[in-house]
PDB file of N, CA and C in Angstrom:
ATOM      1  N   UNK A   1      55.390 -22.022  11.317  1.00  0.00           N
ATOM      2  CA  UNK A   1      55.586 -21.323  12.560  1.00  0.00           C
ATOM      3  C   UNK A   1      56.925 -21.742  13.168  1.00  0.00           C
ATOM      4  N   UNK A   2      57.681 -20.787  13.640  1.00  0.00           N
ATOM      5  CA  UNK A   2      58.999 -21.049  14.206  1.00  0.00           C
ATOM      6  C   UNK A   2      58.868 -21.732  15.560  1.00  0.00           C
ATOM      7  N   UNK A   3      59.818 -22.580  15.839  1.00  0.00           N
ATOM      8  CA  UNK A   3      59.843 -23.272  17.129  1.00  0.00           C
ATOM      9  C   UNK A   3      60.329 -22.321  18.208  1.00  0.00           C
ATOM     10  N   UNK A   4      59.770 -22.485  19.391  1.00  0.00           N
ATOM     11  CA  UNK A   4      60.162 -21.668  20.532  1.00  0.00           C
ATOM     12  C   UNK A   4      61.460 -22.228  21.117  1.00  0.00           C
ATOM     13  N   UNK A   5      62.472 -21.385  21.363  1.00  0.00           N
ATOM     14  CA  UNK A   5      63.740 -21.866  21.917  1.00  0.00           C
ATOM     15  C   UNK A   5      63.578 -22.557  23.270  1.00  0.00           C
ATOM     16  N   UNK A   6      62.603 -22.140  24.056  1.00  0.00           N
ATOM     17  CA  UNK A   6      62.369 -22.786  25.353  1.00  0.00           C
ATOM     18  C   UNK A   6      61.854 -24.209  25.140  1.00  0.00           C
ATOM     19  N   UNK A   7      60.936 -24.394  24.196  1.00  0.00           N
ATOM     20  CA  UNK A   7      60.430 -25.730  23.896  1.00  0.00           C
ATOM     21  C   UNK A   7      61.562 -26.631  23.395  1.00  0.00           C
ATOM     22  N   UNK A   8      62.436 -26.088  22.555  1.00  0.00           N
ATOM     23  CA  UNK A   8      63.569 -26.860  22.049  1.00  0.00           C
ATOM     24  C   UNK A   8      64.523 -27.249  23.175  1.00  0.00           C
ATOM     25  N   UNK A   9      64.793 -26.311  24.078  1.00  0.00           N
ATOM     26  CA  UNK A   9      65.696 -26.592  25.190  1.00  0.00           C
ATOM     27  C   UNK A   9      65.104 -27.655  26.114  1.00  0.00           C
ATOM     28  N   UNK A  10      63.830 -27.503  26.452  1.00  0.00           N
ATOM     29  CA  UNK A  10      63.171 -28.468  27.319  1.00  0.00           C
ATOM     30  C   UNK A  10      63.155 -29.851  26.665  1.00  0.00           C
ATOM     31  N   UNK A  11      62.858 -29.902  25.385  1.00  0.00           N
ATOM     32  CA  UNK A  11      62.861 -31.174  24.662  1.00  0.00           C
ATOM     33  C   UNK A  11      64.229 -31.832  24.662  1.00  0.00           C
ATOM     34  N   UNK A  12      65.277 -31.028  24.495  1.00  0.00           N
ATOM     35  CA  UNK A  12      66.639 -31.563  24.518  1.00  0.00           C
ATOM     36  C   UNK A  12      66.976 -32.130  25.891  1.00  0.00           C
ATOM     37  N   UNK A  13      66.517 -31.466  26.947  1.00  0.00           N
ATOM     38  CA  UNK A  13      66.767 -31.943  28.313  1.00  0.00           C
ATOM     39  C   UNK A  13      66.021 -33.256  28.579  1.00  0.00           C
ATOM     40  N   UNK A  14      64.785 -33.346  28.085  1.00  0.00           N
ATOM     41  CA  UNK A  14      64.019 -34.586  28.238  1.00  0.00           C
ATOM     42  C   UNK A  14      64.739 -35.719  27.519  1.00  0.00           C
ATOM     43  N   UNK A  15      65.182 -35.472  26.294  1.00  0.00           N
ATOM     44  CA  UNK A  15      65.910 -36.481  25.521  1.00  0.00           C
ATOM     45  C   UNK A  15      67.182 -36.910  26.254  1.00  0.00           C
ATOM     46  N   UNK A  16      67.944 -35.931  26.759  1.00  0.00           N
ATOM     47  CA  UNK A  16      69.202 -36.236  27.440  1.00  0.00           C
ATOM     48  C   UNK A  16      68.951 -37.153  28.640  1.00  0.00           C
ATOM     49  N   UNK A  17      67.966 -36.832  29.467  1.00  0.00           N
ATOM     50  CA  UNK A  17      67.683 -37.658  30.644  1.00  0.00           C
ATOM     51  C   UNK A  17      67.142 -39.031  30.255  1.00  0.00           C
ATOM     52  N   UNK A  18      66.332 -39.085  29.206  1.00  0.00           N
ATOM     53  CA  UNK A  18      65.798 -40.371  28.735  1.00  0.00           C
ATOM     54  C   UNK A  18      66.940 -41.278  28.300  1.00  0.00           C
ATOM     55  N   UNK A  19      67.884 -40.717  27.573  1.00  0.00           N
ATOM     56  CA  UNK A  19      69.031 -41.496  27.101  1.00  0.00           C
ATOM     57  C   UNK A  19      69.915 -41.917  28.268  1.00  0.00           C
ATOM     58  N   UNK A  20      70.124 -41.008  29.230  1.00  0.00           N
ATOM     59  CA  UNK A  20      70.938 -41.345  30.398  1.00  0.00           C
ATOM     60  C   UNK A  20      70.351 -42.520  31.179  1.00  0.00           C
ATOM     61  N   UNK A  21      69.033 -42.638  31.174  1.00  0.00           N
ATOM     62  CA  UNK A  21      68.352 -43.721  31.880  1.00  0.00           C
ATOM     63  C   UNK A  21      68.155 -44.960  31.006  1.00  0.00           C
ATOM     64  N   UNK A  22      68.700 -44.915  29.790  1.00  0.00           N
ATOM     65  CA  UNK A  22      68.605 -46.038  28.850  1.00  0.00           C
ATOM     66  C   UNK A  22      67.158 -46.399  28.533  1.00  0.00           C
ATOM     67  N   UNK A  23      66.320 -45.370  28.383  1.00  0.00           N
ATOM     68  CA  UNK A  23      64.929 -45.573  27.993  1.00  0.00           C
ATOM     69  C   UNK A  23      64.781 -45.240  26.512  1.00  0.00           C
ATOM     70  N   UNK A  24      64.032 -46.058  25.794  1.00  0.00           N
ATOM     71  CA  UNK A  24      63.725 -45.735  24.404  1.00  0.00           C
ATOM     72  C   UNK A  24      62.551 -44.760  24.376  1.00  0.00           C
ATOM     73  N   UNK A  25      62.374 -44.112  23.247  1.00  0.00           N
ATOM     74  CA  UNK A  25      61.213 -43.238  23.098  1.00  0.00           C
ATOM     75  C   UNK A  25      59.926 -44.044  23.234  1.00  0.00           C
ATOM     76  N   UNK A  26      59.934 -45.254  22.706  1.00  0.00           N
ATOM     77  CA  UNK A  26      58.756 -46.119  22.776  1.00  0.00           C
ATOM     78  C   UNK A  26      58.431 -46.483  24.227  1.00  0.00           C
ATOM     79  N   UNK A  27      59.467 -46.778  25.025  1.00  0.00           N
ATOM     80  CA  UNK A  27      59.260 -47.110  26.436  1.00  0.00           C
ATOM     81  C   UNK A  27      58.697 -45.914  27.191  1.00  0.00           C
ATOM     82  N   UNK A  28      59.259 -44.735  26.941  1.00  0.00           N
ATOM     83  CA  UNK A  28      58.765 -43.528  27.597  1.00  0.00           C
ATOM     84  C   UNK A  28      57.321 -43.247  27.194  1.00  0.00           C
ATOM     85  N   UNK A  29      57.029 -43.377  25.912  1.00  0.00           N
ATOM     86  CA  UNK A  29      55.669 -43.139  25.426  1.00  0.00           C
ATOM     87  C   UNK A  29      54.686 -44.091  26.099  1.00  0.00           C
ATOM     88  N   UNK A  30      55.052 -45.359  26.214  1.00  0.00           N
ATOM     89  CA  UNK A  30      54.184 -46.334  26.860  1.00  0.00           C
ATOM     90  C   UNK A  30      53.957 -46.014  28.326  1.00  0.00           C
ATOM     91  N   UNK A  31      55.015 -45.592  29.009  1.00  0.00           N
ATOM     92  CA  UNK A  31      54.904 -45.257  30.429  1.00  0.00           C
ATOM     93  C   UNK A  31      54.001 -44.046  30.648  1.00  0.00           C
ATOM     94  N   UNK A  32      53.961 -43.152  29.666  1.00  0.00           N
ATOM     95  CA  UNK A  32      53.169 -41.932  29.784  1.00  0.00           C
ATOM     96  C   UNK A  32      51.773 -42.062  29.187  1.00  0.00           C
ATOM     97  N   UNK A  33      51.530 -43.156  28.473  1.00  0.00           N
ATOM     98  CA  UNK A  33      50.230 -43.335  27.836  1.00  0.00           C
ATOM     99  C   UNK A  33      50.027 -42.386  26.669  1.00  0.00           C
ATOM    100  N   UNK A  34      51.114 -42.090  25.960  1.00  0.00           N
ATOM    101  CA  UNK A  34      50.998 -41.215  24.789  1.00  0.00           C
ATOM    102  C   UNK A  34      51.675 -41.889  23.606  1.00  0.00           C
ATOM    103  N   UNK A  35      51.510 -41.308  22.448  1.00  0.00           N
ATOM    104  CA  UNK A  35      52.060 -41.918  21.241  1.00  0.00           C
ATOM    105  C   UNK A  35      53.560 -41.653  21.123  1.00  0.00           C
ATOM    106  N   UNK A  36      54.205 -42.523  20.385  1.00  0.00           N
ATOM    107  CA  UNK A  36      55.628 -42.354  20.100  1.00  0.00           C
ATOM    108  C   UNK A  36      55.865 -41.032  19.371  1.00  0.00           C
ATOM    109  N   UNK A  37      54.967 -40.700  18.448  1.00  0.00           N
ATOM    110  CA  UNK A  37      55.078 -39.445  17.700  1.00  0.00           C
ATOM    111  C   UNK A  37      55.030 -38.235  18.628  1.00  0.00           C
ATOM    112  N   UNK A  38      54.197 -38.299  19.646  1.00  0.00           N
ATOM    113  CA  UNK A  38      54.083 -37.187  20.594  1.00  0.00           C
ATOM    114  C   UNK A  38      55.395 -36.995  21.354  1.00  0.00           C
ATOM    115  N   UNK A  39      56.007 -38.094  21.805  1.00  0.00           N
ATOM    116  CA  UNK A  39      57.298 -38.005  22.498  1.00  0.00           C
ATOM    117  C   UNK A  39      58.341 -37.405  21.567  1.00  0.00           C
ATOM    118  N   UNK A  40      58.348 -37.845  20.323  1.00  0.00           N
ATOM    119  CA  UNK A  40      59.312 -37.304  19.341  1.00  0.00           C
ATOM    120  C   UNK A  40      59.119 -35.804  19.142  1.00  0.00           C
ATOM    121  N   UNK A  41      57.861 -35.375  19.052  1.00  0.00           N
ATOM    122  CA  UNK A  41      57.596 -33.945  18.878  1.00  0.00           C
ATOM    123  C   UNK A  41      58.069 -33.142  20.080  1.00  0.00           C
ATOM    124  N   UNK A  42      57.838 -33.657  21.275  1.00  0.00           N
ATOM    125  CA  UNK A  42      58.302 -32.968  22.476  1.00  0.00           C
ATOM    126  C   UNK A  42      59.825 -32.859  22.480  1.00  0.00           C
ATOM    127  N   UNK A  43      60.497 -33.965  22.193  1.00  0.00           N
ATOM    128  CA  UNK A  43      61.959 -33.962  22.222  1.00  0.00           C
ATOM    129  C   UNK A  43      62.549 -33.065  21.135  1.00  0.00           C
ATOM    130  N   UNK A  44      61.855 -32.933  20.012  1.00  0.00           N
ATOM    131  CA  UNK A  44      62.329 -32.070  18.925  1.00  0.00           C
ATOM    132  C   UNK A  44      61.977 -30.608  19.151  1.00  0.00           C
ATOM    133  N   UNK A  45      61.173 -30.328  20.160  1.00  0.00           N
ATOM    134  CA  UNK A  45      60.746 -28.958  20.421  1.00  0.00           C
ATOM    135  C   UNK A  45      59.627 -28.506  19.518  1.00  0.00           C
ATOM    136  N   UNK A  46      59.011 -29.451  18.798  1.00  0.00           N
ATOM    137  CA  UNK A  46      57.935 -29.107  17.876  1.00  0.00           C
ATOM    138  C   UNK A  46      56.570 -29.094  18.558  1.00  0.00           C
ATOM    139  N   UNK A  47      56.477 -29.700  19.733  1.00  0.00           N
ATOM    140  CA  UNK A  47      55.214 -29.746  20.458  1.00  0.00           C
ATOM    141  C   UNK A  47      55.375 -29.129  21.836  1.00  0.00           C
ATOM    142  N   UNK A  48      54.382 -28.391  22.240  1.00  0.00           N
ATOM    143  CA  UNK A  48      54.394 -27.779  23.577  1.00  0.00           C
ATOM    144  C   UNK A  48      53.996 -28.803  24.622  1.00  0.00           C
ATOM    145  N   UNK A  49      54.669 -28.780  25.759  1.00  0.00           N
ATOM    146  CA  UNK A  49      54.419 -29.722  26.834  1.00  0.00           C
ATOM    147  C   UNK A  49      53.609 -29.024  27.922  1.00  0.00           C
ATOM    148  N   UNK A  50      52.472 -29.617  28.273  1.00  0.00           N
ATOM    149  CA  UNK A  50      51.673 -29.035  29.347  1.00  0.00           C
ATOM    150  C   UNK A  50      52.346 -29.316  30.687  1.00  0.00           C
ATOM    151  N   UNK A  51      51.941 -28.589  31.696  1.00  0.00           N
ATOM    152  CA  UNK A  51      52.511 -28.780  33.030  1.00  0.00           C
ATOM    153  C   UNK A  51      52.253 -30.196  33.533  1.00  0.00           C
ATOM    154  N   UNK A  52      51.057 -30.727  33.295  1.00  0.00           N
ATOM    155  CA  UNK A  52      50.759 -32.086  33.765  1.00  0.00           C
ATOM    156  C   UNK A  52      51.595 -33.126  33.027  1.00  0.00           C
ATOM    157  N   UNK A  53      51.822 -32.916  31.730  1.00  0.00           N
ATOM    158  CA  UNK A  53      52.668 -33.844  30.978  1.00  0.00           C
ATOM    159  C   UNK A  53      54.120 -33.748  31.427  1.00  0.00           C
ATOM    160  N   UNK A  54      54.567 -32.548  31.746  1.00  0.00           N
ATOM    161  CA  UNK A  54      55.929 -32.359  32.245  1.00  0.00           C
ATOM    162  C   UNK A  54      56.115 -33.106  33.561  1.00  0.00           C
ATOM    163  N   UNK A  55      55.127 -33.037  34.440  1.00  0.00           N
ATOM    164  CA  UNK A  55      55.194 -33.774  35.707  1.00  0.00           C
ATOM    165  C   UNK A  55      55.219 -35.276  35.457  1.00  0.00           C
ATOM    166  N   UNK A  56      54.411 -35.746  34.506  1.00  0.00           N
ATOM    167  CA  UNK A  56      54.385 -37.174  34.186  1.00  0.00           C
ATOM    168  C   UNK A  56      55.730 -37.626  33.630  1.00  0.00           C
ATOM    169  N   UNK A  57      56.338 -36.807  32.789  1.00  0.00           N
ATOM    170  CA  UNK A  57      57.651 -37.135  32.232  1.00  0.00           C
ATOM    171  C   UNK A  57      58.698 -37.183  33.335  1.00  0.00           C
ATOM    172  N   UNK A  58      58.641 -36.223  34.251  1.00  0.00           N
ATOM    173  CA  UNK A  58      59.590 -36.209  35.372  1.00  0.00           C
ATOM    174  C   UNK A  58      59.436 -37.466  36.214  1.00  0.00           C
ATOM    175  N   UNK A  59      58.204 -37.896  36.449  1.00  0.00           N
ATOM    176  CA  UNK A  59      57.963 -39.111  37.232  1.00  0.00           C
ATOM    177  C   UNK A  59      58.450 -40.346  36.485  1.00  0.00           C
ATOM    178  N   UNK A  60      58.213 -40.393  35.181  1.00  0.00           N
ATOM    179  CA  UNK A  60      58.646 -41.535  34.379  1.00  0.00           C
ATOM    180  C   UNK A  60      60.163 -41.620  34.322  1.00  0.00           C
ATOM    181  N   UNK A  61      60.804 -40.480  34.492  1.00  0.00           N
ATOM    182  CA  UNK A  61      62.263 -40.453  34.491  1.00  0.00           C
ATOM    183  C   UNK A  61      62.792 -40.744  35.892  1.00  0.00           C
ATOM    184  N   UNK A  62      62.029 -41.514  36.634  1.00  0.00           N
ATOM    185  CA  UNK A  62      62.408 -41.959  37.971  1.00  0.00           C
ATOM    186  C   UNK A  62      62.691 -40.807  38.909  1.00  0.00           C
ATOM    187  N   UNK A  63      61.814 -39.793  38.846  1.00  0.00           N
ATOM    188  CA  UNK A  63      61.873 -38.709  39.815  1.00  0.00           C
ATOM    189  C   UNK A  63      62.806 -37.574  39.471  1.00  0.00           C
ATOM    190  N   UNK A  64      63.559 -37.656  38.390  1.00  0.00           N
ATOM    191  CA  UNK A  64      64.458 -36.559  38.032  1.00  0.00           C
ATOM    192  C   UNK A  64      63.631 -35.307  37.770  1.00  0.00           C
ATOM    193  N   UNK A  65      63.846 -34.307  38.572  1.00  0.00           N
ATOM    194  CA  UNK A  65      63.111 -33.068  38.401  1.00  0.00           C
ATOM    195  C   UNK A  65      61.723 -33.074  39.015  1.00  0.00           C
ATOM    196  N   UNK A  66      61.402 -34.103  39.781  1.00  0.00           N
ATOM    197  CA  UNK A  66      60.060 -34.186  40.347  1.00  0.00           C
ATOM    198  C   UNK A  66      59.786 -33.042  41.312  1.00  0.00           C
ATOM    199  N   UNK A  67      60.821 -32.406  41.811  1.00  0.00           N
ATOM    200  CA  UNK A  67      60.626 -31.255  42.699  1.00  0.00           C
ATOM    201  C   UNK A  67      59.811 -30.169  42.025  1.00  0.00           C
ATOM    202  N   UNK A  68      59.768 -30.136  40.712  1.00  0.00           N
ATOM    203  CA  UNK A  68      58.967 -29.160  39.973  1.00  0.00           C
ATOM    204  C   UNK A  68      57.479 -29.409  40.167  1.00  0.00           C
ATOM    205  N   UNK A  69      57.117 -30.643  40.464  1.00  0.00           N
ATOM    206  CA  UNK A  69      55.708 -31.030  40.444  1.00  0.00           C
ATOM    207  C   UNK A  69      55.193 -31.558  41.769  1.00  0.00           C
ATOM    208  N   UNK A  70      56.030 -31.774  42.743  1.00  0.00           N
ATOM    209  CA  UNK A  70      55.621 -32.431  43.984  1.00  0.00           C
ATOM    210  C   UNK A  70      54.453 -31.710  44.649  1.00  0.00           C
ATOM    211  N   UNK A  71      54.555 -30.404  44.814  1.00  0.00           N
ATOM    212  CA  UNK A  71      53.493 -29.665  45.503  1.00  0.00           C
ATOM    213  C   UNK A  71      52.195 -29.696  44.701  1.00  0.00           C
ATOM    214  N   UNK A  72      52.280 -29.600  43.407  1.00  0.00           N
ATOM    215  CA  UNK A  72      51.074 -29.647  42.572  1.00  0.00           C
ATOM    216  C   UNK A  72      50.415 -31.016  42.667  1.00  0.00           C
ATOM    217  N   UNK A  73      51.214 -32.081  42.662  1.00  0.00           N
ATOM    218  CA  UNK A  73      50.659 -33.432  42.763  1.00  0.00           C
ATOM    219  C   UNK A  73      50.000 -33.639  44.124  1.00  0.00           C
ATOM    220  N   UNK A  74      50.622 -33.170  45.175  1.00  0.00           N
ATOM    221  CA  UNK A  74      50.043 -33.298  46.514  1.00  0.00           C
ATOM    222  C   UNK A  74      48.728 -32.529  46.612  1.00  0.00           C
ATOM    223  N   UNK A  75      48.689 -31.340  46.044  1.00  0.00           N
ATOM    224  CA  UNK A  75      47.468 -30.531  46.074  1.00  0.00           C
ATOM    225  C   UNK A  75      46.350 -31.208  45.291  1.00  0.00           C
ATOM    226  N   UNK A  76      46.699 -31.802  44.145  1.00  0.00           N
ATOM    227  CA  UNK A  76      45.688 -32.474  43.331  1.00  0.00           C
ATOM    228  C   UNK A  76      45.099 -33.669  44.071  1.00  0.00           C
ATOM    229  N   UNK A  77      45.949 -34.416  44.780  1.00  0.00           N
ATOM    230  CA  UNK A  77      45.481 -35.571  45.537  1.00  0.00           C
ATOM    231  C   UNK A  77      44.558 -35.154  46.688  1.00  0.00           C
ATOM    232  N   UNK A  78      44.858 -34.017  47.308  1.00  0.00           N
ATOM    233  CA  UNK A  78      44.070 -33.586  48.454  1.00  0.00           C
ATOM    234  C   UNK A  78      42.844 -32.771  48.049  1.00  0.00           C
ATOM    235  N   UNK A  79      42.753 -32.444  46.745  1.00  0.00           N
ATOM    236  CA  UNK A  79      41.632 -31.665  46.266  1.00  0.00           C
ATOM    237  C   UNK A  79      41.808 -30.173  46.449  1.00  0.00           C
ATOM    238  N   UNK A  80      42.964 -29.755  46.908  1.00  0.00           N
ATOM    239  CA  UNK A  80      43.256 -28.331  47.111  1.00  0.00           C
ATOM    240  C   UNK A  80      43.634 -27.705  45.775  1.00  0.00           C
ATOM    241  N   UNK A  81      42.922 -26.694  45.363  1.00  0.00           N
ATOM    242  CA  UNK A  81      43.187 -26.042  44.089  1.00  0.00           C
ATOM    243  C   UNK A  81      44.322 -25.055  44.154  1.00  0.00           C
ATOM    244  N   UNK A  82      44.612 -24.526  45.335  1.00  0.00           N
ATOM    245  CA  UNK A  82      45.644 -23.514  45.470  1.00  0.00           C
ATOM    246  C   UNK A  82      46.924 -24.139  45.984  1.00  0.00           C
ATOM    247  N   UNK A  83      48.042 -23.827  45.324  1.00  0.00           N
ATOM    248  CA  UNK A  83      49.346 -24.328  45.741  1.00  0.00           C
ATOM    249  C   UNK A  83      50.160 -23.146  46.209  1.00  0.00           C
ATOM    250  N   UNK A  84      50.591 -23.169  47.454  1.00  0.00           N
ATOM    251  CA  UNK A  84      51.355 -22.060  48.027  1.00  0.00           C
ATOM    252  C   UNK A  84      52.755 -22.007  47.442  1.00  0.00           C
ATOM    253  N   UNK A  85      53.278 -20.792  47.353  1.00  0.00           N
ATOM    254  CA  UNK A  85      54.657 -20.609  46.906  1.00  0.00           C
ATOM    255  C   UNK A  85      55.607 -20.982  48.011  1.00  0.00           C
ATOM    256  N   UNK A  86      56.830 -21.341  47.604  1.00  0.00           N
ATOM    257  CA  UNK A  86      57.883 -21.640  48.597  1.00  0.00           C
ATOM    258  C   UNK A  86      58.350 -20.391  49.268  1.00  0.00           C
TER     259      UNK A  86
END
């Protein structure tokens, strides 16, 4: 099955930010509670990233891109299932 260009682009962006922060794949995997292989698949664009995993990655990257997930995280904490649009 062919890789999706969006998955490849997102994986490349995750890799770029991880490297900019001087984090190893192993360190990122440990911070996220996932396997090293899973991080590699995401960065290679071979694995699809769920919205919750994307938020966790953004948080592990010291908040870079956390604006994508802030409202969802706040809603989850408050038990609100609906997140209003901006």
